[in-house]
Amino acid sequence: MQYFYGFLWIAVGLILLFSMTKESKIFYLAGGFFLLLGGWWIADALLPEVQLFEGGWGIALRCITGAALVVLAVAFVREYQRKKKEAEKKK
């Protein structure tokens, strides 16, 4: 099941990189994050003795995830506000 999740995250990352980047450049970051997450998940499945979701590796992944979440949330809010202002100007 870990391989499935890994390949699922990679597929999501590739979709974001190749389809959604036309909409906004922030999807480069989102796609890259999902590719990293997919690689991390597959690496954990291939190397069970390393335990990439526990200890220092787990903390590193949580820090990366938190940073990506903050950056993506800020970008989403800015984009939402920009589109809302554009819609109000059209009225």
N, C-alpha and C. Protein backbone atom coordinates (compact mmCIF):
# COMPACT_ATOMS: atom_id res chain seq x y z
N MET A 1 0.81 -1.19 0.00
CA MET A 1 0.00 0.00 0.00
C MET A 1 0.86 1.26 0.00
N GLN A 2 2.06 1.17 0.59
CA GLN A 2 2.94 2.34 0.61
C GLN A 2 3.37 2.74 -0.80
N TYR A 3 3.58 1.75 -1.66
CA TYR A 3 3.96 2.06 -3.04
C TYR A 3 2.82 2.79 -3.75
N PHE A 4 1.60 2.36 -3.48
CA PHE A 4 0.43 3.01 -4.09
C PHE A 4 0.38 4.48 -3.70
N TYR A 5 0.54 4.77 -2.41
CA TYR A 5 0.52 6.15 -1.96
C TYR A 5 1.67 6.94 -2.58
N GLY A 6 2.83 6.35 -2.65
CA GLY A 6 3.97 7.03 -3.25
C GLY A 6 3.71 7.40 -4.70
N PHE A 7 3.23 6.44 -5.47
CA PHE A 7 2.95 6.72 -6.87
C PHE A 7 1.76 7.67 -7.03
N LEU A 8 0.82 7.63 -6.11
CA LEU A 8 -0.30 8.56 -6.14
C LEU A 8 0.18 9.99 -5.94
N TRP A 9 1.07 10.21 -4.95
CA TRP A 9 1.61 11.56 -4.72
C TRP A 9 2.41 12.03 -5.91
N ILE A 10 3.16 11.12 -6.52
CA ILE A 10 3.94 11.50 -7.71
C ILE A 10 3.02 11.87 -8.86
N ALA A 11 1.94 11.13 -9.04
CA ALA A 11 0.97 11.45 -10.10
C ALA A 11 0.34 12.82 -9.86
N VAL A 12 -0.03 13.10 -8.62
CA VAL A 12 -0.60 14.41 -8.30
C VAL A 12 0.42 15.51 -8.58
N GLY A 13 1.67 15.29 -8.20
CA GLY A 13 2.72 16.27 -8.46
C GLY A 13 2.91 16.53 -9.94
N LEU A 14 2.90 15.47 -10.73
CA LEU A 14 3.07 15.65 -12.18
C LEU A 14 1.88 16.37 -12.80
N ILE A 15 0.68 16.07 -12.33
CA ILE A 15 -0.50 16.77 -12.84
C ILE A 15 -0.41 18.25 -12.51
N LEU A 16 -0.02 18.56 -11.28
CA LEU A 16 0.13 19.98 -10.90
C LEU A 16 1.20 20.67 -11.74
N LEU A 17 2.31 19.99 -11.96
CA LEU A 17 3.40 20.60 -12.72
C LEU A 17 3.05 20.82 -14.19
N PHE A 18 2.41 19.84 -14.81
CA PHE A 18 2.21 19.94 -16.25
C PHE A 18 0.86 20.50 -16.66
N SER A 19 -0.14 20.45 -15.80
CA SER A 19 -1.46 20.95 -16.18
C SER A 19 -1.82 22.27 -15.51
N MET A 20 -1.50 22.38 -14.25
CA MET A 20 -1.99 23.52 -13.49
C MET A 20 -1.06 24.73 -13.48
N THR A 21 0.19 24.57 -13.91
CA THR A 21 1.11 25.71 -13.87
C THR A 21 0.72 26.79 -14.86
N LYS A 22 -0.12 26.47 -15.84
CA LYS A 22 -0.61 27.49 -16.76
C LYS A 22 -1.52 28.47 -16.03
N GLU A 23 -2.18 27.96 -15.00
CA GLU A 23 -3.10 28.78 -14.21
C GLU A 23 -2.34 29.72 -13.26
N SER A 24 -1.36 29.18 -12.57
CA SER A 24 -0.58 29.98 -11.61
C SER A 24 0.78 29.32 -11.42
N LYS A 25 1.78 30.14 -11.24
CA LYS A 25 3.15 29.63 -11.06
C LYS A 25 3.36 28.98 -9.70
N ILE A 26 2.47 29.21 -8.74
CA ILE A 26 2.60 28.61 -7.42
C ILE A 26 2.46 27.09 -7.48
N PHE A 27 1.87 26.59 -8.55
CA PHE A 27 1.71 25.15 -8.68
C PHE A 27 3.05 24.44 -8.93
N TYR A 28 4.08 25.20 -9.31
CA TYR A 28 5.41 24.60 -9.37
C TYR A 28 5.84 24.14 -7.99
N LEU A 29 5.62 24.99 -7.00
CA LEU A 29 5.96 24.63 -5.62
C LEU A 29 5.09 23.47 -5.13
N ALA A 30 3.79 23.55 -5.40
CA ALA A 30 2.89 22.49 -4.95
C ALA A 30 3.24 21.16 -5.62
N GLY A 31 3.48 21.18 -6.92
CA GLY A 31 3.85 19.96 -7.63
C GLY A 31 5.17 19.39 -7.15
N GLY A 32 6.13 20.27 -6.93
CA GLY A 32 7.42 19.82 -6.41
C GLY A 32 7.29 19.20 -5.04
N PHE A 33 6.44 19.79 -4.20
CA PHE A 33 6.22 19.23 -2.87
C PHE A 33 5.62 17.83 -2.96
N PHE A 34 4.64 17.65 -3.82
CA PHE A 34 4.02 16.33 -3.96
C PHE A 34 4.99 15.31 -4.55
N LEU A 35 5.86 15.74 -5.44
CA LEU A 35 6.89 14.83 -5.94
C LEU A 35 7.83 14.41 -4.82
N LEU A 36 8.23 15.37 -3.99
CA LEU A 36 9.07 15.07 -2.84
C LEU A 36 8.36 14.10 -1.90
N LEU A 37 7.09 14.36 -1.64
CA LEU A 37 6.32 13.49 -0.75
C LEU A 37 6.21 12.07 -1.31
N GLY A 38 5.99 11.96 -2.61
CA GLY A 38 5.92 10.64 -3.24
C GLY A 38 7.24 9.91 -3.16
N GLY A 39 8.32 10.62 -3.43
CA GLY A 39 9.65 10.01 -3.31
C GLY A 39 9.95 9.59 -1.88
N TRP A 40 9.54 10.41 -0.93
CA TRP A 40 9.75 10.11 0.48
C TRP A 40 9.00 8.84 0.87
N TRP A 41 7.75 8.74 0.39
CA TRP A 41 6.91 7.59 0.73
C TRP A 41 7.50 6.31 0.13
N ILE A 42 7.94 6.38 -1.12
CA ILE A 42 8.53 5.20 -1.77
C ILE A 42 9.85 4.83 -1.11
N ALA A 43 10.65 5.83 -0.77
CA ALA A 43 11.92 5.56 -0.09
C ALA A 43 11.67 4.88 1.26
N ASP A 44 10.63 5.29 1.97
CA ASP A 44 10.30 4.65 3.24
C ASP A 44 9.88 3.20 3.03
N ALA A 45 9.20 2.93 1.93
CA ALA A 45 8.79 1.55 1.64
C ALA A 45 10.00 0.69 1.25
N LEU A 46 10.95 1.27 0.52
CA LEU A 46 12.12 0.52 0.08
C LEU A 46 13.16 0.34 1.19
N LEU A 47 13.21 1.29 2.12
CA LEU A 47 14.21 1.25 3.20
C LEU A 47 13.50 1.27 4.56
N PRO A 48 12.85 0.19 4.93
CA PRO A 48 12.08 0.22 6.19
C PRO A 48 12.96 0.38 7.43
N GLU A 49 14.22 0.03 7.35
CA GLU A 49 15.10 0.15 8.52
C GLU A 49 15.43 1.61 8.84
N VAL A 50 15.30 2.51 7.87
CA VAL A 50 15.61 3.92 8.09
C VAL A 50 14.47 4.64 8.80
N GLN A 51 13.24 4.22 8.58
CA GLN A 51 12.04 4.80 9.19
C GLN A 51 11.98 6.32 8.95
N LEU A 52 11.72 6.69 7.72
CA LEU A 52 11.74 8.08 7.32
C LEU A 52 10.62 8.93 7.91
N PHE A 53 9.60 8.32 8.49
CA PHE A 53 8.51 9.09 9.09
C PHE A 53 8.69 9.24 10.59
N GLU A 54 9.79 8.76 11.13
CA GLU A 54 10.03 8.83 12.57
C GLU A 54 11.37 9.52 12.84
N GLY A 55 11.54 10.01 14.05
CA GLY A 55 12.80 10.61 14.46
C GLY A 55 13.12 11.89 13.72
N GLY A 56 14.39 12.09 13.47
CA GLY A 56 14.86 13.30 12.80
C GLY A 56 14.32 13.45 11.39
N TRP A 57 14.22 12.33 10.67
CA TRP A 57 13.67 12.39 9.31
C TRP A 57 12.21 12.81 9.33
N GLY A 58 11.46 12.30 10.29
CA GLY A 58 10.05 12.68 10.41
C GLY A 58 9.88 14.16 10.73
N ILE A 59 10.75 14.66 11.61
CA ILE A 59 10.71 16.09 11.94
C ILE A 59 11.05 16.94 10.72
N ALA A 60 12.03 16.50 9.95
CA ALA A 60 12.40 17.23 8.73
C ALA A 60 11.22 17.27 7.75
N LEU A 61 10.55 16.15 7.58
CA LEU A 61 9.39 16.12 6.68
C LEU A 61 8.29 17.03 7.19
N ARG A 62 8.06 17.04 8.48
CA ARG A 62 7.03 17.91 9.05
C ARG A 62 7.38 19.38 8.86
N CYS A 63 8.64 19.73 9.00
CA CYS A 63 9.07 21.11 8.78
C CYS A 63 8.90 21.52 7.32
N ILE A 64 9.28 20.64 6.41
CA ILE A 64 9.10 20.91 4.98
C ILE A 64 7.62 21.05 4.65
N THR A 65 6.80 20.17 5.20
CA THR A 65 5.36 20.22 4.96
C THR A 65 4.76 21.50 5.51
N GLY A 66 5.17 21.88 6.71
CA GLY A 66 4.66 23.12 7.30
C GLY A 66 5.03 24.34 6.49
N ALA A 67 6.28 24.40 6.04
CA ALA A 67 6.73 25.53 5.23
C ALA A 67 5.96 25.59 3.91
N ALA A 68 5.78 24.44 3.27
CA ALA A 68 5.03 24.41 2.01
C ALA A 68 3.58 24.82 2.24
N LEU A 69 3.00 24.38 3.33
CA LEU A 69 1.62 24.72 3.64
C LEU A 69 1.46 26.22 3.86
N VAL A 70 2.37 26.83 4.59
CA VAL A 70 2.30 28.27 4.84
C VAL A 70 2.45 29.05 3.53
N VAL A 71 3.44 28.71 2.74
CA VAL A 71 3.67 29.42 1.48
C VAL A 71 2.47 29.26 0.54
N LEU A 72 1.95 28.05 0.42
CA LEU A 72 0.81 27.81 -0.47
C LEU A 72 -0.45 28.49 0.04
N ALA A 73 -0.66 28.51 1.35
CA ALA A 73 -1.84 29.17 1.91
C ALA A 73 -1.78 30.68 1.67
N VAL A 74 -0.62 31.27 1.87
CA VAL A 74 -0.47 32.71 1.62
C VAL A 74 -0.70 33.02 0.15
N ALA A 75 -0.15 32.22 -0.72
CA ALA A 75 -0.35 32.42 -2.16
C ALA A 75 -1.82 32.26 -2.54
N PHE A 76 -2.49 31.29 -1.96
CA PHE A 76 -3.91 31.07 -2.26
C PHE A 76 -4.74 32.27 -1.81
N VAL A 77 -4.48 32.77 -0.61
CA VAL A 77 -5.24 33.91 -0.09
C VAL A 77 -5.01 35.14 -0.96
N ARG A 78 -3.78 35.39 -1.35
CA ARG A 78 -3.49 36.54 -2.22
C ARG A 78 -4.19 36.40 -3.56
N GLU A 79 -4.15 35.23 -4.14
CA GLU A 79 -4.82 35.00 -5.43
C GLU A 79 -6.33 35.15 -5.30
N TYR A 80 -6.88 34.64 -4.22
CA TYR A 80 -8.32 34.75 -3.97
C TYR A 80 -8.73 36.22 -3.84
N GLN A 81 -7.97 36.99 -3.08
CA GLN A 81 -8.28 38.40 -2.90
C GLN A 81 -8.13 39.17 -4.21
N ARG A 82 -7.12 38.84 -5.00
CA ARG A 82 -6.93 39.51 -6.28
C ARG A 82 -8.10 39.25 -7.22
N LYS A 83 -8.53 38.00 -7.28
CA LYS A 83 -9.66 37.67 -8.17
C LYS A 83 -10.96 38.28 -7.67
N LYS A 84 -11.10 38.38 -6.36
CA LYS A 84 -12.30 39.00 -5.80
C LYS A 84 -12.35 40.47 -6.15
N LYS A 85 -11.22 41.17 -6.08
CA LYS A 85 -11.17 42.58 -6.45
C LYS A 85 -11.45 42.77 -7.93
N GLU A 86 -10.93 41.88 -8.77
CA GLU A 86 -11.19 41.97 -10.20
C GLU A 86 -12.67 41.77 -10.50
N ALA A 87 -13.30 40.85 -9.80
CA ALA A 87 -14.74 40.61 -10.00
C ALA A 87 -15.56 41.80 -9.56
N GLU A 88 -15.14 42.47 -8.49
CA GLU A 88 -15.86 43.66 -8.03
C GLU A 88 -15.72 44.82 -9.00
N LYS A 89 -14.56 44.93 -9.63
CA LYS A 89 -14.34 46.01 -10.60
C LYS A 89 -15.20 45.82 -11.83
N LYS A 90 -15.49 44.58 -12.19
CA LYS A 90 -16.29 44.30 -13.39
C LYS A 90 -17.76 44.66 -13.17
N LYS A 91 -18.19 44.71 -11.93
CA LYS A 91 -19.62 45.00 -11.65
C LYS A 91 -20.00 46.41 -11.92
